[in-house]
């Protein structure tokens, strides 16, 4: 029981560059806040691993969360989708 998070490689930053619903977040404080909000247990490890995230916001909550390792991502950088769900 509890929150289960999965990080999956889904392509490159270029794959989402045309998505108007995503916002780039690349400050350490904001990435830490995202990690806390979506249920990441090891928040500091998450911040050390990812330098930037692309997030969609739906009704004040984070919808989709994609992350890249660089603070200033390049189109060819690997992209990871972070999916956290409550499981019983």
N, C-alpha and C. Protein backbone atom coordinates (compact mmCIF):
# COMPACT_ATOMS: atom_id res chain seq x y z
N UNK A 1 0.82 -1.19 0.00
CA UNK A 1 0.00 0.00 0.00
C UNK A 1 0.87 1.25 0.00
N UNK A 2 0.40 2.25 -0.65
CA UNK A 2 1.13 3.51 -0.66
C UNK A 2 1.32 4.03 -2.06
N UNK A 3 2.17 5.03 -2.15
CA UNK A 3 2.46 5.66 -3.43
C UNK A 3 3.55 4.87 -4.14
N UNK A 4 3.32 4.58 -5.40
CA UNK A 4 4.32 3.89 -6.21
C UNK A 4 4.64 4.76 -7.40
N UNK A 5 5.93 5.03 -7.58
CA UNK A 5 6.37 5.89 -8.68
C UNK A 5 7.21 5.09 -9.66
N UNK A 6 7.03 5.38 -10.92
CA UNK A 6 7.78 4.72 -11.97
C UNK A 6 8.39 5.79 -12.86
N UNK A 7 9.66 5.62 -13.17
CA UNK A 7 10.36 6.52 -14.08
C UNK A 7 10.72 5.70 -15.31
N UNK A 8 10.23 6.13 -16.46
CA UNK A 8 10.41 5.36 -17.69
C UNK A 8 10.97 6.24 -18.80
N UNK A 9 11.98 5.73 -19.49
CA UNK A 9 12.52 6.44 -20.65
C UNK A 9 11.47 6.41 -21.76
N UNK A 10 11.13 7.59 -22.29
CA UNK A 10 10.06 7.66 -23.30
C UNK A 10 10.51 8.30 -24.61
N UNK A 11 11.78 8.59 -24.75
CA UNK A 11 12.25 9.20 -26.00
C UNK A 11 13.23 10.32 -25.71
N UNK A 12 13.07 11.42 -26.47
CA UNK A 12 13.95 12.58 -26.30
C UNK A 12 13.10 13.82 -26.08
N UNK A 13 13.74 14.88 -25.65
CA UNK A 13 13.06 16.15 -25.43
C UNK A 13 12.37 16.60 -26.72
N UNK A 14 12.95 16.31 -27.85
CA UNK A 14 12.36 16.70 -29.13
C UNK A 14 10.94 16.14 -29.30
N UNK A 15 10.67 14.98 -28.69
CA UNK A 15 9.35 14.36 -28.84
C UNK A 15 8.22 15.17 -28.22
N UNK A 16 8.55 16.08 -27.30
CA UNK A 16 7.49 16.88 -26.65
C UNK A 16 7.63 18.37 -26.92
N UNK A 17 8.57 18.75 -27.76
CA UNK A 17 8.85 20.19 -27.96
C UNK A 17 7.64 20.98 -28.47
N UNK A 18 6.71 20.36 -29.15
CA UNK A 18 5.56 21.06 -29.70
C UNK A 18 4.34 21.04 -28.78
N UNK A 19 4.46 20.49 -27.60
CA UNK A 19 3.33 20.41 -26.68
C UNK A 19 3.14 21.73 -25.94
N UNK A 20 2.04 22.39 -26.22
CA UNK A 20 1.75 23.69 -25.59
C UNK A 20 1.28 23.56 -24.15
N UNK A 21 0.89 22.36 -23.74
CA UNK A 21 0.36 22.16 -22.39
C UNK A 21 1.44 21.91 -21.35
N UNK A 22 2.70 21.84 -21.78
CA UNK A 22 3.80 21.56 -20.86
C UNK A 22 4.61 22.83 -20.58
N UNK A 23 5.02 22.97 -19.33
CA UNK A 23 5.83 24.10 -18.89
C UNK A 23 7.18 23.59 -18.43
N UNK A 24 8.24 24.23 -18.88
CA UNK A 24 9.59 23.86 -18.47
C UNK A 24 9.87 24.41 -17.07
N UNK A 25 10.34 23.54 -16.20
CA UNK A 25 10.73 23.91 -14.84
C UNK A 25 12.18 23.47 -14.67
N UNK A 26 13.07 24.40 -14.31
CA UNK A 26 14.46 23.99 -14.16
C UNK A 26 15.17 24.60 -12.95
N UNK A 27 14.40 25.10 -12.00
CA UNK A 27 15.04 25.54 -10.75
C UNK A 27 14.98 24.38 -9.76
N UNK A 28 16.04 24.22 -9.00
CA UNK A 28 16.13 23.11 -8.04
C UNK A 28 14.97 23.14 -7.04
N UNK A 29 14.61 24.33 -6.58
CA UNK A 29 13.51 24.46 -5.61
C UNK A 29 12.19 24.00 -6.21
N UNK A 30 11.93 24.36 -7.46
CA UNK A 30 10.67 23.97 -8.10
C UNK A 30 10.64 22.47 -8.39
N UNK A 31 11.77 21.89 -8.77
CA UNK A 31 11.82 20.45 -9.03
C UNK A 31 11.61 19.69 -7.72
N UNK A 32 12.17 20.19 -6.64
CA UNK A 32 11.95 19.60 -5.32
C UNK A 32 10.46 19.67 -4.95
N UNK A 33 9.82 20.79 -5.22
CA UNK A 33 8.39 20.94 -4.94
C UNK A 33 7.55 19.98 -5.78
N UNK A 34 7.93 19.78 -7.04
CA UNK A 34 7.24 18.82 -7.90
C UNK A 34 7.38 17.42 -7.32
N UNK A 35 8.61 17.04 -6.95
CA UNK A 35 8.86 15.71 -6.39
C UNK A 35 8.01 15.48 -5.15
N UNK A 36 7.94 16.49 -4.30
CA UNK A 36 7.14 16.37 -3.08
C UNK A 36 5.66 16.25 -3.41
N UNK A 37 5.19 17.04 -4.34
CA UNK A 37 3.78 17.07 -4.69
C UNK A 37 3.30 15.76 -5.31
N UNK A 38 4.13 15.13 -6.14
CA UNK A 38 3.69 13.90 -6.82
C UNK A 38 3.99 12.64 -6.03
N UNK A 39 4.66 12.77 -4.89
CA UNK A 39 4.85 11.61 -4.02
C UNK A 39 6.18 10.91 -4.10
N UNK A 40 7.20 11.56 -4.63
CA UNK A 40 8.53 10.96 -4.68
C UNK A 40 9.07 10.90 -3.26
N UNK A 41 9.49 9.72 -2.82
CA UNK A 41 10.01 9.56 -1.45
C UNK A 41 11.42 10.12 -1.31
N UNK A 42 12.28 9.83 -2.27
CA UNK A 42 13.68 10.27 -2.21
C UNK A 42 13.84 11.54 -3.03
N UNK A 43 13.32 12.62 -2.48
CA UNK A 43 13.26 13.89 -3.21
C UNK A 43 14.63 14.43 -3.59
N UNK A 44 15.59 14.36 -2.67
CA UNK A 44 16.92 14.89 -2.98
C UNK A 44 17.59 14.09 -4.09
N UNK A 45 17.38 12.78 -4.10
CA UNK A 45 17.93 11.95 -5.17
C UNK A 45 17.29 12.33 -6.51
N UNK A 46 15.99 12.61 -6.49
CA UNK A 46 15.27 13.01 -7.69
C UNK A 46 15.84 14.31 -8.24
N UNK A 47 16.06 15.29 -7.35
CA UNK A 47 16.61 16.58 -7.76
C UNK A 47 18.03 16.42 -8.30
N UNK A 48 18.82 15.54 -7.71
CA UNK A 48 20.18 15.30 -8.20
C UNK A 48 20.19 14.61 -9.56
N UNK A 49 19.19 13.80 -9.83
CA UNK A 49 19.12 13.05 -11.09
C UNK A 49 18.61 13.91 -12.25
N UNK A 50 17.64 14.78 -11.97
CA UNK A 50 17.00 15.55 -13.03
C UNK A 50 17.23 17.05 -12.85
N UNK A 51 17.69 17.69 -13.91
CA UNK A 51 17.95 19.13 -13.87
C UNK A 51 16.80 19.96 -14.38
N UNK A 52 15.85 19.29 -15.07
CA UNK A 52 14.69 20.02 -15.59
C UNK A 52 13.51 19.07 -15.73
N UNK A 53 12.33 19.63 -15.64
CA UNK A 53 11.10 18.86 -15.83
C UNK A 53 10.15 19.66 -16.70
N UNK A 54 9.33 18.97 -17.43
CA UNK A 54 8.24 19.55 -18.20
C UNK A 54 6.96 19.04 -17.54
N UNK A 55 6.10 19.95 -17.13
CA UNK A 55 4.90 19.53 -16.41
C UNK A 55 3.65 20.13 -17.03
N UNK A 56 2.58 19.37 -16.94
CA UNK A 56 1.26 19.92 -17.26
C UNK A 56 0.53 20.07 -15.93
N UNK A 57 -0.31 21.09 -15.85
CA UNK A 57 -1.07 21.35 -14.63
C UNK A 57 -2.55 21.25 -14.98
N UNK A 58 -3.25 20.41 -14.21
CA UNK A 58 -4.68 20.20 -14.41
C UNK A 58 -5.38 20.47 -13.09
N UNK A 59 -6.24 21.46 -13.08
CA UNK A 59 -6.99 21.82 -11.86
C UNK A 59 -6.07 22.02 -10.66
N UNK A 60 -4.92 22.64 -10.87
CA UNK A 60 -4.01 22.95 -9.79
C UNK A 60 -3.08 21.82 -9.38
N UNK A 61 -3.23 20.65 -10.00
CA UNK A 61 -2.36 19.50 -9.70
C UNK A 61 -1.50 19.18 -10.92
N UNK A 62 -0.39 18.50 -10.67
CA UNK A 62 0.46 18.09 -11.78
C UNK A 62 -0.20 16.93 -12.51
N UNK A 63 -0.30 17.07 -13.83
CA UNK A 63 -0.83 15.99 -14.66
C UNK A 63 0.32 15.11 -15.10
N UNK A 64 0.87 15.42 -16.26
CA UNK A 64 2.03 14.67 -16.74
C UNK A 64 3.31 15.35 -16.29
N UNK A 65 4.31 14.52 -15.97
CA UNK A 65 5.62 15.03 -15.57
C UNK A 65 6.67 14.28 -16.38
N UNK A 66 7.44 15.05 -17.16
CA UNK A 66 8.56 14.51 -17.93
C UNK A 66 9.82 15.19 -17.43
N UNK A 67 10.92 14.45 -17.34
CA UNK A 67 12.15 15.04 -16.83
C UNK A 67 13.34 14.72 -17.72
N UNK A 68 14.32 15.60 -17.66
CA UNK A 68 15.57 15.46 -18.39
C UNK A 68 16.71 15.71 -17.41
N UNK A 69 17.88 15.20 -17.72
CA UNK A 69 18.98 15.28 -16.78
C UNK A 69 19.67 16.64 -16.75
N UNK A 70 19.60 17.39 -17.81
CA UNK A 70 20.27 18.69 -17.85
C UNK A 70 19.36 19.82 -17.38
N UNK A 71 19.98 20.84 -16.81
CA UNK A 71 19.24 22.02 -16.38
C UNK A 71 18.69 22.77 -17.58
N UNK A 72 19.48 22.86 -18.63
CA UNK A 72 19.04 23.45 -19.89
C UNK A 72 19.05 22.32 -20.92
N UNK A 73 17.88 21.70 -21.13
CA UNK A 73 17.83 20.50 -21.97
C UNK A 73 18.06 20.80 -23.45
N UNK A 74 18.67 19.84 -24.11
CA UNK A 74 18.84 19.86 -25.56
C UNK A 74 17.79 18.95 -26.17
N UNK A 75 17.41 19.20 -27.40
CA UNK A 75 16.39 18.39 -28.05
C UNK A 75 16.74 16.91 -28.11
N UNK A 76 18.02 16.59 -28.17
CA UNK A 76 18.44 15.20 -28.28
C UNK A 76 18.61 14.49 -26.92
N UNK A 77 18.40 15.22 -25.82
CA UNK A 77 18.55 14.62 -24.49
C UNK A 77 17.48 13.58 -24.22
N UNK A 78 17.84 12.52 -23.51
CA UNK A 78 16.84 11.52 -23.12
C UNK A 78 15.75 12.15 -22.27
N UNK A 79 14.53 11.65 -22.43
CA UNK A 79 13.37 12.16 -21.71
C UNK A 79 12.75 11.01 -20.92
N UNK A 80 12.38 11.31 -19.68
CA UNK A 80 11.81 10.29 -18.80
C UNK A 80 10.44 10.76 -18.32
N UNK A 81 9.48 9.85 -18.32
CA UNK A 81 8.15 10.17 -17.79
C UNK A 81 8.10 9.64 -16.36
N UNK A 82 7.64 10.49 -15.45
CA UNK A 82 7.52 10.13 -14.05
C UNK A 82 6.03 9.95 -13.76
N UNK A 83 5.67 8.76 -13.36
CA UNK A 83 4.27 8.44 -13.12
C UNK A 83 4.12 7.89 -11.71
N UNK A 84 3.41 8.61 -10.86
CA UNK A 84 3.20 8.19 -9.47
C UNK A 84 1.71 7.94 -9.27
N UNK A 85 1.42 6.79 -8.68
CA UNK A 85 0.03 6.41 -8.43
C UNK A 85 -0.11 5.78 -7.05
N UNK A 86 -1.27 5.98 -6.47
CA UNK A 86 -1.59 5.35 -5.20
C UNK A 86 -2.02 3.90 -5.48
N UNK A 87 -1.39 2.96 -4.79
CA UNK A 87 -1.75 1.55 -4.95
C UNK A 87 -2.08 0.95 -3.59
N UNK A 88 -3.01 0.03 -3.62
CA UNK A 88 -3.40 -0.63 -2.36
C UNK A 88 -2.95 -2.07 -2.36
